[in-house]
Protein backbone atom coordinates (compact mmCIF):
# COMPACT_ATOMS: atom_id res chain seq x y z
CA MET A 1 0.00 0.00 0.00
CA LYS A 2 1.25 3.48 -0.89
CA LEU A 3 1.18 6.27 1.67
CA ARG A 4 -1.32 8.39 -0.31
CA GLU A 5 -3.70 5.41 -0.52
CA LEU A 6 -3.87 5.38 3.27
CA ILE A 7 -3.82 9.05 4.27
CA GLY A 8 -4.34 10.97 1.02
CA GLU A 9 -1.81 13.20 -0.70
CA ALA A 10 1.54 13.14 1.11
CA GLY A 11 3.72 15.35 -1.08
CA ALA A 12 7.06 13.89 -2.03
CA TYR A 13 6.27 10.78 0.03
CA SER A 14 2.93 9.97 -1.64
CA ASP A 15 4.26 6.96 -3.55
CA ALA A 16 6.30 5.57 -0.65
CA ILE A 17 5.36 1.97 0.13
CA ILE A 18 4.14 1.28 3.67
CA THR A 19 5.66 -1.83 5.20
CA GLY A 20 4.47 -1.54 8.78
CA PHE A 21 3.94 0.53 11.93
CA ALA A 22 6.02 1.02 15.07
CA ILE A 23 5.96 2.98 18.32
CA ASP A 24 9.45 1.76 19.27
CA ASN A 25 12.19 3.38 17.15
CA ARG A 26 14.27 0.21 17.42
CA LYS A 27 11.57 -1.67 15.49
CA VAL A 28 11.52 0.79 12.59
CA ALA A 29 12.44 -0.60 9.17
CA PRO A 30 12.31 1.03 5.71
CA GLY A 31 8.69 1.90 4.94
CA THR A 32 7.52 2.13 8.55
CA ILE A 33 5.12 4.75 9.93
CA PHE A 34 6.40 5.78 13.36
CA GLY A 35 4.21 7.02 16.22
CA ALA A 36 5.96 9.57 18.43
CA PHE A 37 4.10 9.83 21.77
CA HIS A 38 4.76 11.01 25.29
CA GLY A 39 4.94 7.88 27.47
CA ALA A 40 5.05 7.44 31.23
CA ALA A 41 8.84 7.13 31.18
CA VAL A 42 9.90 7.90 27.58
CA ASN A 43 9.09 10.68 25.12
CA GLY A 44 8.87 9.16 21.65
CA GLU A 45 9.43 12.58 20.09
CA ASP A 46 13.07 12.33 21.16
CA TYR A 47 13.51 9.36 18.79
CA ILE A 48 12.03 10.80 15.61
CA GLU A 49 15.42 11.50 14.05
CA ASP A 50 16.59 7.96 14.76
CA ALA A 51 13.36 6.50 13.34
CA ILE A 52 13.84 8.47 10.12
CA SER A 53 17.45 7.31 9.87
CA ARG A 54 16.16 3.73 10.06
CA GLY A 55 13.78 4.30 7.14
CA ALA A 56 10.53 5.70 8.59
CA ILE A 57 8.50 7.28 5.77
CA ALA A 58 6.00 9.09 8.00
CA ILE A 59 5.85 10.33 11.58
CA VAL A 60 2.63 10.76 13.57
CA ALA A 61 3.31 13.58 16.01
CA ARG A 62 2.12 16.94 17.34
CA GLU A 63 2.26 19.97 15.05
CA GLN A 64 5.05 21.72 16.96
CA VAL A 65 7.40 18.74 16.64
CA LYS A 66 10.16 19.04 14.02
CA VAL A 67 10.11 16.34 11.34
CA ASP A 68 12.76 16.38 8.58
CA GLY A 69 13.16 13.57 6.06
CA ALA A 70 9.70 11.97 6.42
CA PHE A 71 6.07 12.99 6.01
CA HIS A 72 4.60 14.62 9.12
CA ILE A 73 1.12 13.34 9.99
CA VAL A 74 -0.03 16.09 12.34
CA SER A 75 -2.43 15.52 15.22
CA ASP A 76 -3.24 17.03 18.61
CA ASN A 77 -3.81 13.44 19.74
CA PRO A 78 -1.02 11.43 18.07
CA ARG A 79 -1.93 8.16 19.85
CA GLN A 80 -5.48 8.16 18.55
CA LYS A 81 -4.46 9.31 15.06
CA PHE A 82 -1.76 6.65 14.84
CA ALA A 83 -4.26 3.95 15.85
CA HIS A 84 -6.79 4.95 13.20
CA VAL A 85 -4.16 5.24 10.48
CA ALA A 86 -2.76 1.82 11.46
CA ALA A 87 -6.25 0.28 11.44
CA GLY A 88 -6.60 1.42 7.82
CA PHE A 89 -3.48 -0.55 6.95
CA PHE A 90 -4.30 -3.71 8.87
CA GLY A 91 -7.26 -5.95 8.13
CA PRO A 92 -9.46 -7.79 7.61
CA PHE A 93 -11.05 -8.01 11.06
CA SER A 94 -13.55 -10.49 12.49
CA SER A 95 -17.25 -9.91 11.82
CA GLN A 96 -18.21 -9.87 15.53
CA VAL A 97 -16.02 -7.90 17.94
CA ALA A 98 -16.81 -7.52 21.64
CA ALA A 99 -14.90 -5.77 24.42
CA VAL A 100 -15.19 -5.92 28.19
CA THR A 101 -14.07 -3.35 30.75
CA GLY A 102 -14.25 -3.13 34.53
CA THR A 103 -11.93 -3.46 37.52
CA ASN A 104 -12.49 -7.16 38.12
CA GLY A 105 -13.75 -9.97 35.94
CA LYS A 106 -12.45 -8.87 32.53
CA THR A 107 -10.29 -11.95 32.00
CA SER A 108 -13.00 -14.37 33.11
CA VAL A 109 -15.68 -12.70 31.00
CA ALA A 110 -13.42 -12.71 27.94
CA GLU A 111 -12.47 -16.37 28.34
CA LEU A 112 -15.97 -17.57 29.24
CA SER A 113 -17.43 -15.68 26.26
CA ARG A 114 -14.86 -17.34 24.01
CA GLN A 115 -15.80 -20.73 25.47
CA LEU A 116 -19.52 -20.16 25.02
CA TRP A 117 -19.10 -19.02 21.42
CA SER A 118 -17.00 -22.10 20.72
CA ILE A 119 -19.51 -24.44 22.40
CA CYS A 120 -22.26 -22.84 20.29
CA GLY A 121 -20.34 -23.58 17.10
CA GLN A 122 -18.56 -20.30 16.41
CA LYS A 123 -14.85 -19.89 15.67
CA SER A 124 -13.84 -17.60 18.51
CA ALA A 125 -10.88 -16.03 20.29
CA SER A 126 -10.08 -13.76 23.21
CA ILE A 127 -7.30 -11.22 23.74
CA GLY A 128 -6.24 -10.09 27.20
CA THR A 129 -4.37 -10.97 30.35
CA LEU A 130 -4.09 -14.64 29.38
CA GLY A 131 -2.77 -13.70 25.93
CA VAL A 132 -4.37 -14.56 22.62
CA THR A 133 -6.56 -17.63 23.15
CA THR A 134 -8.44 -19.81 20.67
CA SER A 135 -9.94 -23.25 21.12
CA SER A 136 -6.68 -24.82 19.98
CA ASP A 137 -3.93 -22.42 21.06
CA GLN A 138 -2.83 -19.80 23.57
CA VAL A 139 -0.02 -17.28 23.08
CA ARG A 140 1.04 -15.25 26.12
CA THR A 141 1.57 -11.50 25.59
CA GLY A 142 2.31 -10.44 29.17
CA LEU A 143 -0.15 -7.51 29.13
CA THR A 144 -3.89 -7.13 29.64
CA THR A 145 -3.93 -4.71 26.70
CA PRO A 146 -0.95 -4.92 24.31
CA ASP A 147 0.30 -1.93 22.29
CA VAL A 148 -1.91 -0.89 19.40
CA VAL A 149 0.34 -2.36 16.68
CA THR A 150 0.39 -5.76 18.37
CA PHE A 151 -3.36 -5.54 19.01
CA LEU A 152 -4.24 -4.74 15.40
CA SER A 153 -1.87 -7.33 13.97
CA ASN A 154 -3.32 -9.97 16.33
CA MET A 155 -6.86 -9.06 15.29
CA THR A 156 -5.90 -9.30 11.63
CA GLY A 157 -4.15 -12.62 12.17
CA LEU A 158 -7.19 -14.10 13.90
CA ALA A 159 -9.53 -13.01 11.11
CA ARG A 160 -7.24 -14.55 8.50
CA GLU A 161 -7.30 -17.79 10.49
CA GLY A 162 -11.08 -17.85 10.12
CA ILE A 163 -11.98 -16.53 13.58
CA THR A 164 -15.36 -14.80 13.30
CA HIS A 165 -16.02 -13.86 16.95
CA VAL A 166 -13.42 -12.03 19.07
CA ILE A 167 -13.58 -10.46 22.51
CA PHE A 168 -10.81 -8.36 24.05
CA GLU A 169 -10.17 -6.95 27.49
CA ALA A 170 -10.31 -3.16 27.49
CA SER A 171 -8.26 -1.99 30.45
CA SER A 172 -8.42 1.60 31.67
CA HIS A 173 -4.78 2.14 30.67
CA GLY A 174 -5.40 0.64 27.24
CA LEU A 175 -8.48 2.78 26.67
CA HIS A 176 -6.82 5.95 27.92
CA GLN A 177 -3.76 5.33 25.73
CA TYR A 178 -5.77 4.31 22.62
CA ARG A 179 -4.22 0.83 22.50
CA THR A 180 -7.42 -0.83 21.25
CA GLU A 181 -8.46 1.88 18.86
CA GLY A 182 -9.51 1.66 15.23
CA ILE A 183 -11.74 -1.42 15.21
CA ALA A 184 -15.52 -1.22 15.31
CA VAL A 185 -16.79 -2.73 18.58
CA ASP A 186 -20.20 -4.38 18.22
CA ILE A 187 -20.73 -5.36 21.87
CA ALA A 188 -19.28 -3.56 24.92
CA ALA A 189 -19.57 -4.92 28.46
CA PHE A 190 -19.06 -3.36 31.91
CA THR A 191 -18.47 -5.62 34.93
CA ASN A 192 -17.82 -3.38 37.94
CA LEU A 193 -15.66 -0.57 39.31
CA SER A 194 -13.64 -0.55 42.51
CA ARG A 195 -10.43 1.02 43.71
CA ASP A 196 -7.45 0.29 41.47
CA HIS A 197 -4.90 2.21 39.38
CA LEU A 198 -5.52 5.48 41.21
CA ASP A 199 -1.77 6.07 41.01
CA TYR A 200 -2.43 6.56 37.28
CA HIS A 201 -5.96 7.98 37.06
CA GLY A 202 -5.99 10.13 40.21
CA ASP A 203 -9.55 9.51 41.42
CA MET A 204 -12.50 7.18 40.83
CA ASP A 205 -14.33 9.55 38.50
CA GLN A 206 -11.35 9.78 36.18
CA TYR A 207 -10.93 6.02 36.43
CA LEU A 208 -14.55 5.53 35.32
CA ALA A 209 -14.15 8.12 32.57
CA ALA A 210 -11.23 6.15 31.11
CA LYS A 211 -13.28 2.96 31.07
CA MET A 212 -16.35 4.66 29.63
CA ARG A 213 -14.48 5.57 26.46
CA LEU A 214 -15.60 2.08 25.45
CA PHE A 215 -19.25 3.19 25.62
CA ASP A 216 -18.75 6.83 24.67
CA GLU A 217 -16.53 6.47 21.60
CA MET A 218 -15.54 2.95 20.59
CA ILE A 219 -18.79 1.00 20.30
CA THR A 220 -20.75 1.41 17.07
CA ASP A 221 -23.98 3.43 17.06
CA ASP A 222 -26.04 0.26 16.65
CA GLY A 223 -23.99 -1.70 19.18
CA VAL A 224 -25.13 -3.46 22.35
CA ALA A 225 -24.01 -2.50 25.86
CA VAL A 226 -23.98 -5.34 28.41
CA VAL A 227 -23.95 -4.12 32.02
CA TRP A 228 -23.69 -6.02 35.30
CA ALA A 229 -26.51 -4.21 37.13
CA ASP A 230 -25.59 -5.00 40.75
CA ASP A 231 -22.48 -2.82 41.05
CA PRO A 232 -22.67 0.63 42.71
CA TRP A 233 -21.24 2.18 39.53
CA SER A 234 -23.58 0.37 37.15
CA GLU A 235 -26.14 3.17 36.95
CA LYS A 236 -23.46 5.58 35.72
CA ALA A 237 -22.32 3.05 33.11
CA ILE A 238 -25.92 2.63 31.95
CA LYS A 239 -26.28 6.41 31.63
CA HIS A 240 -23.25 6.47 29.32
CA ALA A 241 -24.88 3.78 27.19
CA GLN A 242 -28.21 5.65 27.18
CA ALA A 243 -26.45 8.83 26.04
CA ARG A 244 -25.41 6.93 22.91
CA ASN A 245 -28.90 5.40 22.49
CA LEU A 246 -27.32 1.95 22.64
CA LYS A 247 -29.33 -1.20 23.15
CA ILE A 248 -28.70 -2.27 26.76
CA LEU A 249 -28.71 -5.78 28.24
CA SER A 250 -28.58 -5.61 32.05
CA VAL A 251 -27.60 -8.65 34.10
CA GLY A 252 -27.86 -9.54 37.79
CA GLN A 253 -30.33 -9.50 40.64
CA LYS A 254 -31.26 -6.00 39.47
CA GLY A 255 -30.98 -7.01 35.82
CA ASP A 256 -33.81 -6.51 33.37
CA ASP A 257 -32.64 -8.98 30.73
CA ILE A 258 -30.89 -11.77 32.65
CA LYS A 259 -32.27 -11.62 36.18
CA ILE A 260 -30.93 -13.81 38.98
CA ILE A 261 -33.86 -15.05 41.05
CA GLU A 262 -31.94 -17.48 43.22
CA ARG A 263 -28.37 -18.72 43.63
CA THR A 264 -27.55 -21.88 45.61
CA PRO A 265 -23.93 -23.01 46.23
CA THR A 266 -23.19 -26.69 45.57
CA GLN A 267 -20.11 -28.77 46.33
CA LEU A 268 -18.45 -28.09 42.97
CA GLY A 269 -20.38 -25.08 41.72
CA GLN A 270 -23.79 -23.47 42.06
CA LYS A 271 -27.38 -23.69 40.90
CA LEU A 272 -28.89 -20.57 39.33
CA LYS A 273 -32.54 -19.76 38.84
CA LEU A 274 -32.86 -17.11 36.14
CA SER A 275 -35.56 -15.10 34.45
CA VAL A 276 -34.68 -14.42 30.81
CA GLU A 277 -37.09 -13.08 28.20
CA ASN A 278 -40.06 -13.82 30.48
CA LYS A 279 -39.01 -17.46 30.88
CA GLU A 280 -37.54 -19.20 33.91
CA TYR A 281 -34.35 -21.24 33.55
CA GLN A 282 -32.58 -23.58 35.99
CA ILE A 283 -28.82 -23.50 35.35
CA ASN A 284 -26.03 -25.63 36.81
CA LEU A 285 -22.83 -23.57 36.77
CA PRO A 286 -19.67 -25.64 37.43
CA LEU A 287 -17.83 -22.65 38.99
CA ILE A 288 -17.96 -21.61 42.64
CA GLY A 289 -18.62 -18.11 43.94
CA ALA A 290 -21.08 -15.28 43.34
CA TYR A 291 -18.60 -13.36 41.23
CA GLN A 292 -18.12 -16.39 38.98
CA ALA A 293 -21.88 -16.39 38.41
CA SER A 294 -21.74 -12.72 37.47
CA ASN A 295 -18.89 -13.32 35.04
CA ALA A 296 -20.63 -16.29 33.43
CA LEU A 297 -23.92 -14.43 33.01
CA VAL A 298 -22.28 -11.31 31.57
CA SER A 299 -20.57 -13.66 29.11
CA ALA A 300 -23.90 -15.26 28.28
CA ALA A 301 -25.38 -11.82 27.57
CA ILE A 302 -22.46 -10.98 25.27
CA VAL A 303 -22.94 -14.19 23.31
CA MET A 304 -26.70 -13.60 23.12
CA ALA A 305 -26.05 -10.05 21.89
CA SER A 306 -23.97 -11.49 19.05
CA GLY A 307 -27.05 -13.25 17.69
CA ILE A 308 -26.80 -16.71 19.26
CA ASP A 309 -30.20 -18.08 20.36
CA THR A 310 -30.88 -17.57 24.06
CA PRO A 311 -31.85 -21.21 24.88
CA LEU A 312 -28.70 -22.49 23.14
CA VAL A 313 -26.52 -20.14 25.20
CA LEU A 314 -28.17 -20.89 28.55
CA ASP A 315 -28.33 -24.63 27.94
CA ASN A 316 -24.54 -24.71 27.48
CA ILE A 317 -23.46 -22.74 30.57
CA HIS A 318 -23.02 -26.05 32.41
CA ARG A 319 -20.16 -26.88 30.02
CA LEU A 320 -17.98 -23.91 31.00
CA GLN A 321 -14.49 -24.62 32.31
CA PRO A 322 -12.59 -22.70 35.04
CA VAL A 323 -10.39 -19.83 33.91
CA SER A 324 -6.67 -20.04 34.63
CA GLY A 325 -5.79 -18.39 37.94
CA ARG A 326 -9.40 -17.49 38.75
CA LEU A 327 -10.44 -19.53 41.79
CA GLU A 328 -8.45 -22.35 40.25
CA ARG A 329 -8.07 -25.36 42.53
CA ALA A 330 -4.34 -25.87 42.28
CA ALA A 331 -3.81 -28.76 44.68
CA ILE A 332 -5.07 -30.62 47.73
CA THR A 333 -2.75 -31.03 50.68
CA LYS A 334 -1.96 -34.47 52.07
CA ILE A 335 -4.36 -33.81 54.92
CA GLY A 336 -7.13 -32.89 52.47
CA ALA A 337 -7.18 -29.06 52.44
CA PRO A 338 -7.72 -27.61 48.94
CA ILE A 339 -5.55 -24.71 47.71
CA TYR A 340 -7.25 -22.18 45.46
CA VAL A 341 -5.27 -19.70 43.37
CA ASP A 342 -6.94 -16.42 42.46
CA TYR A 343 -5.77 -13.27 40.69
CA ALA A 344 -7.51 -11.07 43.30
CA HIS A 345 -5.25 -8.02 43.64
CA THR A 346 -7.81 -5.36 44.60
CA PRO A 347 -9.84 -5.10 47.82
CA ASP A 348 -13.08 -5.90 45.98
CA GLY A 349 -11.49 -8.78 44.11
CA LEU A 350 -10.14 -10.25 47.33
CA LYS A 351 -13.50 -9.79 49.07
CA ALA A 352 -15.24 -11.65 46.23
CA ALA A 353 -12.74 -14.53 46.31
CA ILE A 354 -13.07 -14.91 50.08
CA ALA A 355 -16.87 -14.78 49.85
CA ALA A 356 -16.79 -17.46 47.16
CA LEU A 357 -14.73 -19.87 49.26
CA ARG A 358 -16.20 -19.19 52.71
CA PRO A 359 -19.32 -21.39 52.28
CA HIS A 360 -17.11 -24.32 51.24
CA ALA A 361 -14.82 -24.18 54.28
CA ASP A 362 -15.89 -26.57 57.03
CA GLY A 363 -12.90 -25.40 59.06
CA LYS A 364 -10.69 -22.33 58.72
CA LEU A 365 -10.10 -20.12 55.67
CA ILE A 366 -6.38 -19.34 55.38
CA SER A 367 -5.65 -16.39 53.08
CA ILE A 368 -2.20 -15.64 51.66
CA ILE A 369 -2.14 -12.04 50.45
CA GLY A 370 0.22 -9.27 49.38
CA ALA A 371 0.33 -6.17 47.19
CA GLY A 372 2.27 -5.01 44.17
CA GLY A 373 5.01 -2.40 44.29
CA ASP A 374 4.99 0.85 42.26
CA ARG A 375 1.18 0.81 42.38
CA ASP A 376 -1.63 2.45 44.36
CA VAL A 377 -0.38 2.54 47.96
CA GLY A 378 -3.80 3.38 49.39
CA LYS A 379 -5.35 0.01 48.59
CA ARG A 380 -2.74 -1.99 50.55
CA SER A 381 -4.21 -1.57 54.02
CA LEU A 382 -7.65 -2.16 52.50
CA MET A 383 -6.42 -5.55 51.26
CA GLY A 384 -5.42 -6.39 54.82
CA GLN A 385 -8.74 -5.15 56.16
CA VAL A 386 -10.76 -7.24 53.72
CA ALA A 387 -8.68 -10.32 54.51
CA SER A 388 -9.24 -9.77 58.25
CA GLU A 389 -12.99 -9.49 57.83
CA GLY A 390 -13.35 -12.78 55.95
CA SER A 391 -10.39 -15.01 56.86
CA ASP A 392 -9.50 -16.99 59.96
CA ILE A 393 -5.75 -16.90 59.36
CA ILE A 394 -3.87 -14.34 57.24
CA ILE A 395 -0.36 -14.70 55.88
CA VAL A 396 1.11 -11.53 54.36
CA THR A 397 3.78 -12.21 51.77
CA ASP A 398 5.43 -10.62 48.74
CA ASP A 399 3.53 -10.21 45.49
CA ASN A 400 5.43 -8.29 42.79
CA PRO A 401 7.46 -5.75 44.81
CA ARG A 402 9.03 -4.28 41.66
CA ASN A 403 11.24 -1.36 42.70
CA GLU A 404 9.87 -0.89 46.22
CA ASP A 405 11.16 -2.32 49.47
CA PRO A 406 8.99 -5.45 49.95
CA ALA A 407 9.14 -5.09 53.73
CA ILE A 408 7.45 -1.68 53.50
CA ILE A 409 4.75 -3.08 51.22
CA ARG A 410 4.06 -5.90 53.68
CA GLU A 411 3.92 -3.38 56.52
CA ASN A 412 1.36 -1.32 54.57
CA VAL A 413 -0.81 -4.41 54.07
CA MET A 414 -0.51 -5.50 57.70
CA GLN A 415 -1.69 -2.10 58.93
CA GLY A 416 -5.16 -3.15 57.81
CA THR A 417 -5.12 -6.53 59.55
CA LYS A 418 -6.10 -7.34 63.09
CA GLU A 419 -3.59 -10.15 63.28
CA ALA A 420 -1.41 -11.67 60.57
CA ILE A 421 1.64 -13.82 59.99
CA GLU A 422 4.38 -12.11 57.96
CA ILE A 423 6.49 -14.31 55.67
CA GLY A 424 8.20 -12.38 52.88
CA ASP A 425 9.33 -15.36 50.81
CA ARG A 426 6.26 -16.39 48.80
CA ARG A 427 7.19 -20.08 48.55
CA LYS A 428 7.80 -20.26 52.30
CA ALA A 429 4.47 -18.54 52.92
CA ILE A 430 2.69 -21.18 50.82
CA SER A 431 4.55 -23.97 52.61
CA HIS A 432 3.61 -22.54 56.00
CA ALA A 433 -0.07 -22.34 55.05
CA ILE A 434 0.01 -25.99 54.01
CA LYS A 435 1.79 -26.95 57.25
CA ILE A 436 -0.82 -25.34 59.49
CA ALA A 437 -3.90 -26.30 57.45
CA ALA A 438 -6.16 -28.99 58.92
CA SER A 439 -8.74 -31.21 57.27
CA GLY A 440 -11.74 -29.09 56.34
CA ASP A 441 -9.67 -25.92 55.93
CA ILE A 442 -9.30 -24.03 52.65
CA ILE A 443 -6.21 -22.09 51.53
CA LEU A 444 -6.63 -19.04 49.30
CA LEU A 445 -3.47 -17.94 47.48
CA ALA A 446 -4.34 -14.49 46.15
CA GLY A 447 -2.75 -11.85 43.97
CA LYS A 448 -0.84 -13.40 41.09
CA GLY A 449 -3.21 -15.93 39.56
CA HIS A 450 -2.00 -17.06 36.15
CA GLU A 451 1.28 -15.09 36.24
CA GLU A 452 4.47 -16.95 35.36
CA GLY A 453 6.94 -14.73 37.19
CA GLN A 454 7.58 -12.55 40.23
CA ILE A 455 8.82 -9.03 39.50
CA ILE A 456 11.62 -8.03 41.86
CA GLY A 457 13.52 -4.90 40.88
CA ASP A 458 14.12 -5.03 37.15
CA LYS A 459 14.09 -8.84 37.07
CA ILE A 460 11.25 -11.28 36.48
CA LEU A 461 12.00 -14.47 38.42
CA PRO A 462 10.13 -17.67 37.43
CA PHE A 463 7.19 -18.16 39.78
CA ASN A 464 3.81 -19.71 39.11
CA ASP A 465 1.43 -19.91 42.08
CA VAL A 466 -0.32 -23.05 40.84
CA GLN A 467 2.94 -24.88 40.19
CA VAL A 468 4.54 -23.82 43.49
CA ALA A 469 1.39 -24.77 45.43
CA ARG A 470 1.48 -28.23 43.87
CA GLU A 471 5.17 -28.63 44.67
CA CYS A 472 4.70 -27.55 48.28
CA ALA A 473 1.64 -29.74 48.71
CA ALA A 474 3.59 -32.74 47.45
């Protein structure tokens, strides 16, 4: 494709052949369009000259930035402009595209939607924290929302593989930084909002505003908004959808479209009585916990919104499989205490995980918790407080300390606890929980979920909670 075919007349560079896009100057090759943005730690404008020397034919940057030797694509919002220009180069894209945002539940909703689509006979995929997942493959990316070039190339690759239905996780960072821009979203879902990432967004209103870009700008005019109705922030999300005159599917005890009448925990899951389209359904969900029910039903609404018949969707919920690192039963100790691994890394997420496991504990609930470094400090004591309210024994350990002193992070968490055991080494903390657990107890290992490493300083050391729990239990 020539440059003028993508952006119109481009002067002396009109006939230049586009070979790709990059936001990292080190990845620029001849024919590349380079996006020069201000980042959290790096200013891409400082690397324009180097990008041109490597063969960049066009630079997307602010008007006041000097560009010599390449075509200057001017924009007051270079990130958004770059995304839309790149989307014009990439393609094709899948015919049904959904996105889910919210503090907790994005990964589960994305994966469960993919599963339901697949069960109902559609070729489907999800993009998010677990990577790029299809029914036959999973490729880890390491980020909830990858950079826009990776995102668009992944979407194109999936479409070319015959994937017709795709759902991606829309994180607040990704939405604010236009990392999922340029593709028409047919279905947008909101799960919940609770304290997280305030080190980046500043306050809860700004945090919500970042997430609501999905409803305000990205979803198509004839799209469908799926909203979990039982969250304190749901009414505001619904108002954003109403402002766009979107069709709304609300889900939950307060839901109008999928209404939970009754929920009964069972040994390996839960029974749900639902009212959907003026009909009553009895559903066996093979996942434990109220929040797993919410995730599964939001997923069902997404799949229904894509045109799949309601009875077919609801009749197949019993076939759903657990999501990696989301209340995943990792092992059972020799004395018979199960160990559950969960990604809960916010106060609300931890509260939901504890609430899910509490009814299944005949004895004590032992919670192993921590908090990440270089992140919102204010939520740390809240994590300890939530653990104290719902657990019998609390062990505070290291999560991903990054560049902070892990002892200070643990101290912050313990300020919210009434009484806790402090063991910095995560493996030793897991071993201690197993040592003190009795028959009938349950161990919750919270914070890292599916992650394959522990971030200490500038190093990522191999560490998988599920694997380590199994090794310690053995």
